[in-house]
Amino acid sequence: MRAILGLIAGIISGFIITPKTDQSTAVGTILLIAIIFYIISYTLAKRIAKDTPKTQKRKLATNGIFPFIFLLMMFMIVVYTGLWQFMAR
């Protein structure tokens, strides 16, 4: 679930950022989108794992964070490159 939400967040980030976007604004936008989608994934995971033991619930916040970050970055780069490779010339 977090991997899919990371993929969606990466695609949205790739569409939002343009070559004319300032670097600090781009980083802030990417971080904001990532945090929003990670909070969504956390709340969905809490709803799914209602009856799990307390020791397993502690892992809920960190489980799947690396696929989320990797797919966010990968798809953001792919979408950005695909959209703007000819426009920046």
N, C-alpha and C. Protein backbone atom coordinates (compact mmCIF):
# COMPACT_ATOMS: atom_id res chain seq x y z
N MET A 1 0.82 -1.18 0.00
CA MET A 1 0.00 0.00 0.00
C MET A 1 0.88 1.26 0.00
N ARG A 2 1.92 1.27 0.82
CA ARG A 2 2.80 2.44 0.84
C ARG A 2 3.56 2.59 -0.46
N ALA A 3 3.91 1.49 -1.07
CA ALA A 3 4.61 1.57 -2.35
C ALA A 3 3.72 2.20 -3.41
N ILE A 4 2.46 1.81 -3.44
CA ILE A 4 1.53 2.37 -4.43
C ILE A 4 1.30 3.85 -4.16
N LEU A 5 1.16 4.23 -2.90
CA LEU A 5 0.99 5.65 -2.59
C LEU A 5 2.26 6.45 -2.89
N GLY A 6 3.42 5.85 -2.73
CA GLY A 6 4.67 6.51 -3.13
C GLY A 6 4.72 6.73 -4.63
N LEU A 7 4.25 5.75 -5.37
CA LEU A 7 4.18 5.86 -6.83
C LEU A 7 3.25 7.00 -7.23
N ILE A 8 2.08 7.06 -6.62
CA ILE A 8 1.12 8.12 -6.94
C ILE A 8 1.68 9.49 -6.56
N ALA A 9 2.31 9.58 -5.40
CA ALA A 9 2.91 10.86 -4.97
C ALA A 9 4.02 11.29 -5.92
N GLY A 10 4.80 10.34 -6.42
CA GLY A 10 5.86 10.67 -7.37
C GLY A 10 5.32 11.18 -8.69
N ILE A 11 4.26 10.58 -9.16
CA ILE A 11 3.64 11.04 -10.41
C ILE A 11 3.07 12.44 -10.24
N ILE A 12 2.39 12.69 -9.13
CA ILE A 12 1.85 14.03 -8.88
C ILE A 12 2.98 15.06 -8.76
N SER A 13 4.04 14.70 -8.07
CA SER A 13 5.18 15.63 -7.94
C SER A 13 5.82 15.92 -9.28
N GLY A 14 5.92 14.91 -10.13
CA GLY A 14 6.49 15.11 -11.46
C GLY A 14 5.68 16.05 -12.32
N PHE A 15 4.36 16.02 -12.16
CA PHE A 15 3.50 16.93 -12.92
C PHE A 15 3.52 18.35 -12.37
N ILE A 16 3.65 18.50 -11.07
CA ILE A 16 3.58 19.83 -10.45
C ILE A 16 4.85 20.65 -10.70
N ILE A 17 6.00 20.01 -10.65
CA ILE A 17 7.28 20.72 -10.78
C ILE A 17 7.56 21.00 -12.27
N THR A 18 7.93 22.23 -12.57
CA THR A 18 8.28 22.62 -13.94
C THR A 18 9.72 23.11 -13.96
N PRO A 19 10.32 23.23 -15.15
CA PRO A 19 11.70 23.74 -15.22
C PRO A 19 11.84 25.17 -14.68
N LYS A 20 10.77 25.93 -14.67
CA LYS A 20 10.83 27.31 -14.18
C LYS A 20 10.65 27.41 -12.67
N THR A 21 10.35 26.29 -12.01
CA THR A 21 10.15 26.29 -10.57
C THR A 21 11.48 26.50 -9.85
N ASP A 22 11.47 27.38 -8.85
CA ASP A 22 12.66 27.63 -8.04
C ASP A 22 13.03 26.36 -7.28
N GLN A 23 14.31 26.14 -7.04
CA GLN A 23 14.77 24.90 -6.41
C GLN A 23 14.21 24.74 -5.00
N SER A 24 14.20 25.79 -4.21
CA SER A 24 13.69 25.67 -2.85
C SER A 24 12.18 25.42 -2.84
N THR A 25 11.47 26.02 -3.79
CA THR A 25 10.04 25.78 -3.91
C THR A 25 9.76 24.34 -4.33
N ALA A 26 10.57 23.82 -5.23
CA ALA A 26 10.40 22.44 -5.70
C ALA A 26 10.62 21.45 -4.58
N VAL A 27 11.66 21.65 -3.80
CA VAL A 27 11.96 20.74 -2.68
C VAL A 27 10.84 20.81 -1.64
N GLY A 28 10.37 22.00 -1.35
CA GLY A 28 9.27 22.16 -0.39
C GLY A 28 8.00 21.49 -0.87
N THR A 29 7.70 21.62 -2.16
CA THR A 29 6.51 21.00 -2.72
C THR A 29 6.61 19.48 -2.67
N ILE A 30 7.76 18.95 -3.02
CA ILE A 30 7.96 17.50 -2.98
C ILE A 30 7.82 16.98 -1.55
N LEU A 31 8.43 17.66 -0.59
CA LEU A 31 8.32 17.23 0.80
C LEU A 31 6.89 17.31 1.31
N LEU A 32 6.17 18.35 0.95
CA LEU A 32 4.78 18.49 1.38
C LEU A 32 3.92 17.36 0.81
N ILE A 33 4.08 17.07 -0.46
CA ILE A 33 3.32 15.98 -1.08
C ILE A 33 3.68 14.64 -0.45
N ALA A 34 4.97 14.43 -0.19
CA ALA A 34 5.41 13.18 0.43
C ALA A 34 4.82 13.02 1.83
N ILE A 35 4.84 14.08 2.62
CA ILE A 35 4.30 14.01 3.98
C ILE A 35 2.81 13.75 3.96
N ILE A 36 2.09 14.43 3.08
CA ILE A 36 0.64 14.23 2.98
C ILE A 36 0.31 12.79 2.63
N PHE A 37 0.99 12.24 1.62
CA PHE A 37 0.70 10.87 1.21
C PHE A 37 1.16 9.86 2.26
N TYR A 38 2.23 10.17 2.99
CA TYR A 38 2.66 9.24 4.04
C TYR A 38 1.68 9.24 5.20
N ILE A 39 1.12 10.39 5.54
CA ILE A 39 0.09 10.45 6.58
C ILE A 39 -1.15 9.68 6.15
N ILE A 40 -1.51 9.80 4.88
CA ILE A 40 -2.65 9.03 4.36
C ILE A 40 -2.37 7.54 4.49
N SER A 41 -1.16 7.11 4.14
CA SER A 41 -0.84 5.69 4.24
C SER A 41 -0.82 5.22 5.69
N TYR A 42 -0.39 6.07 6.59
CA TYR A 42 -0.36 5.71 8.01
C TYR A 42 -1.77 5.54 8.57
N THR A 43 -2.67 6.45 8.22
CA THR A 43 -4.04 6.33 8.72
C THR A 43 -4.74 5.11 8.12
N LEU A 44 -4.47 4.83 6.85
CA LEU A 44 -5.05 3.63 6.25
C LEU A 44 -4.50 2.36 6.91
N ALA A 45 -3.22 2.36 7.20
CA ALA A 45 -2.62 1.19 7.86
C ALA A 45 -3.18 1.00 9.26
N LYS A 46 -3.43 2.08 9.98
CA LYS A 46 -4.03 1.96 11.31
C LYS A 46 -5.43 1.39 11.24
N ARG A 47 -6.18 1.78 10.23
CA ARG A 47 -7.55 1.25 10.09
C ARG A 47 -7.55 -0.22 9.71
N ILE A 48 -6.58 -0.62 8.89
CA ILE A 48 -6.50 -2.01 8.48
C ILE A 48 -6.06 -2.89 9.64
N ALA A 49 -5.14 -2.42 10.45
CA ALA A 49 -4.54 -3.22 11.53
C ALA A 49 -5.18 -2.92 12.88
N LYS A 50 -6.48 -2.99 12.97
CA LYS A 50 -7.17 -2.69 14.23
C LYS A 50 -6.91 -3.75 15.29
N ASP A 51 -6.92 -5.02 14.92
CA ASP A 51 -6.85 -6.11 15.89
C ASP A 51 -5.45 -6.70 16.04
N THR A 52 -4.43 -5.99 15.67
CA THR A 52 -3.07 -6.52 15.80
C THR A 52 -2.52 -6.23 17.20
N PRO A 53 -1.57 -7.05 17.64
CA PRO A 53 -0.97 -6.80 18.97
C PRO A 53 -0.23 -5.47 19.03
N LYS A 54 -0.02 -4.99 20.25
CA LYS A 54 0.60 -3.68 20.45
C LYS A 54 2.03 -3.62 19.92
N THR A 55 2.76 -4.73 19.98
CA THR A 55 4.14 -4.74 19.49
C THR A 55 4.19 -4.58 17.98
N GLN A 56 3.21 -5.10 17.29
CA GLN A 56 3.15 -4.97 15.83
C GLN A 56 2.70 -3.57 15.41
N LYS A 57 1.89 -2.93 16.22
CA LYS A 57 1.43 -1.58 15.89
C LYS A 57 2.57 -0.56 15.92
N ARG A 58 3.59 -0.82 16.72
CA ARG A 58 4.73 0.09 16.77
C ARG A 58 5.51 0.10 15.46
N LYS A 59 5.52 -1.02 14.77
CA LYS A 59 6.22 -1.12 13.48
C LYS A 59 5.43 -0.46 12.35
N LEU A 60 4.20 -0.11 12.61
CA LEU A 60 3.31 0.42 11.59
C LEU A 60 3.81 1.71 10.96
N ALA A 61 4.45 2.56 11.75
CA ALA A 61 4.90 3.86 11.25
C ALA A 61 6.10 3.73 10.31
N THR A 62 6.99 2.75 10.57
CA THR A 62 8.21 2.66 9.77
C THR A 62 8.19 1.56 8.73
N ASN A 63 7.25 0.67 8.80
CA ASN A 63 7.19 -0.44 7.85
C ASN A 63 6.83 0.08 6.45
N GLY A 64 7.70 -0.13 5.49
CA GLY A 64 7.43 0.27 4.11
C GLY A 64 7.88 1.67 3.75
N ILE A 65 8.69 2.30 4.59
CA ILE A 65 9.10 3.68 4.29
C ILE A 65 10.11 3.74 3.14
N PHE A 66 10.99 2.75 3.03
CA PHE A 66 11.99 2.78 1.97
C PHE A 66 11.39 2.57 0.57
N PRO A 67 10.46 1.63 0.38
CA PRO A 67 9.80 1.57 -0.94
C PRO A 67 9.02 2.84 -1.26
N PHE A 68 8.41 3.45 -0.24
CA PHE A 68 7.68 4.70 -0.45
C PHE A 68 8.61 5.79 -0.97
N ILE A 69 9.74 5.99 -0.31
CA ILE A 69 10.68 7.04 -0.72
C ILE A 69 11.29 6.73 -2.08
N PHE A 70 11.68 5.48 -2.31
CA PHE A 70 12.30 5.11 -3.58
C PHE A 70 11.35 5.31 -4.74
N LEU A 71 10.11 4.85 -4.61
CA LEU A 71 9.16 5.00 -5.72
C LEU A 71 8.75 6.45 -5.91
N LEU A 72 8.65 7.21 -4.84
CA LEU A 72 8.35 8.63 -4.97
C LEU A 72 9.42 9.32 -5.81
N MET A 73 10.68 9.10 -5.46
CA MET A 73 11.77 9.75 -6.19
C MET A 73 11.87 9.24 -7.63
N MET A 74 11.77 7.93 -7.80
CA MET A 74 11.93 7.36 -9.14
C MET A 74 10.85 7.86 -10.10
N PHE A 75 9.59 7.81 -9.68
CA PHE A 75 8.52 8.22 -10.59
C PHE A 75 8.47 9.73 -10.76
N MET A 76 8.89 10.49 -9.76
CA MET A 76 8.96 11.93 -9.94
C MET A 76 9.99 12.27 -11.02
N ILE A 77 11.14 11.62 -10.98
CA ILE A 77 12.19 11.87 -11.97
C ILE A 77 11.76 11.42 -13.36
N VAL A 78 11.13 10.25 -13.45
CA VAL A 78 10.68 9.74 -14.75
C VAL A 78 9.63 10.63 -15.37
N VAL A 79 8.64 11.04 -14.58
CA VAL A 79 7.57 11.90 -15.11
C VAL A 79 8.12 13.27 -15.48
N TYR A 80 8.94 13.85 -14.62
CA TYR A 80 9.53 15.16 -14.91
C TYR A 80 10.36 15.12 -16.19
N THR A 81 11.18 14.09 -16.33
CA THR A 81 12.02 13.96 -17.52
C THR A 81 11.17 13.75 -18.76
N GLY A 82 10.16 12.91 -18.65
CA GLY A 82 9.29 12.65 -19.79
C GLY A 82 8.52 13.87 -20.24
N LEU A 83 8.11 14.70 -19.31
CA LEU A 83 7.34 15.89 -19.66
C LEU A 83 8.20 17.03 -20.19
N TRP A 84 9.36 17.24 -19.61
CA TRP A 84 10.10 18.46 -19.87
C TRP A 84 11.41 18.27 -20.62
N GLN A 85 11.70 17.10 -21.15
CA GLN A 85 12.99 16.89 -21.80
C GLN A 85 13.14 17.72 -23.08
N PHE A 86 12.07 17.96 -23.79
CA PHE A 86 12.16 18.75 -25.02
C PHE A 86 11.87 20.22 -24.80
N MET A 87 11.18 20.55 -23.71
CA MET A 87 10.80 21.93 -23.45
C MET A 87 11.98 22.76 -22.94
N ALA A 88 12.92 22.15 -22.26
CA ALA A 88 14.02 22.89 -21.64
C ALA A 88 15.10 23.31 -22.64
N ARG A 89 15.05 22.82 -23.84
CA ARG A 89 16.10 23.14 -24.82
C ARG A 89 15.99 24.51 -25.36
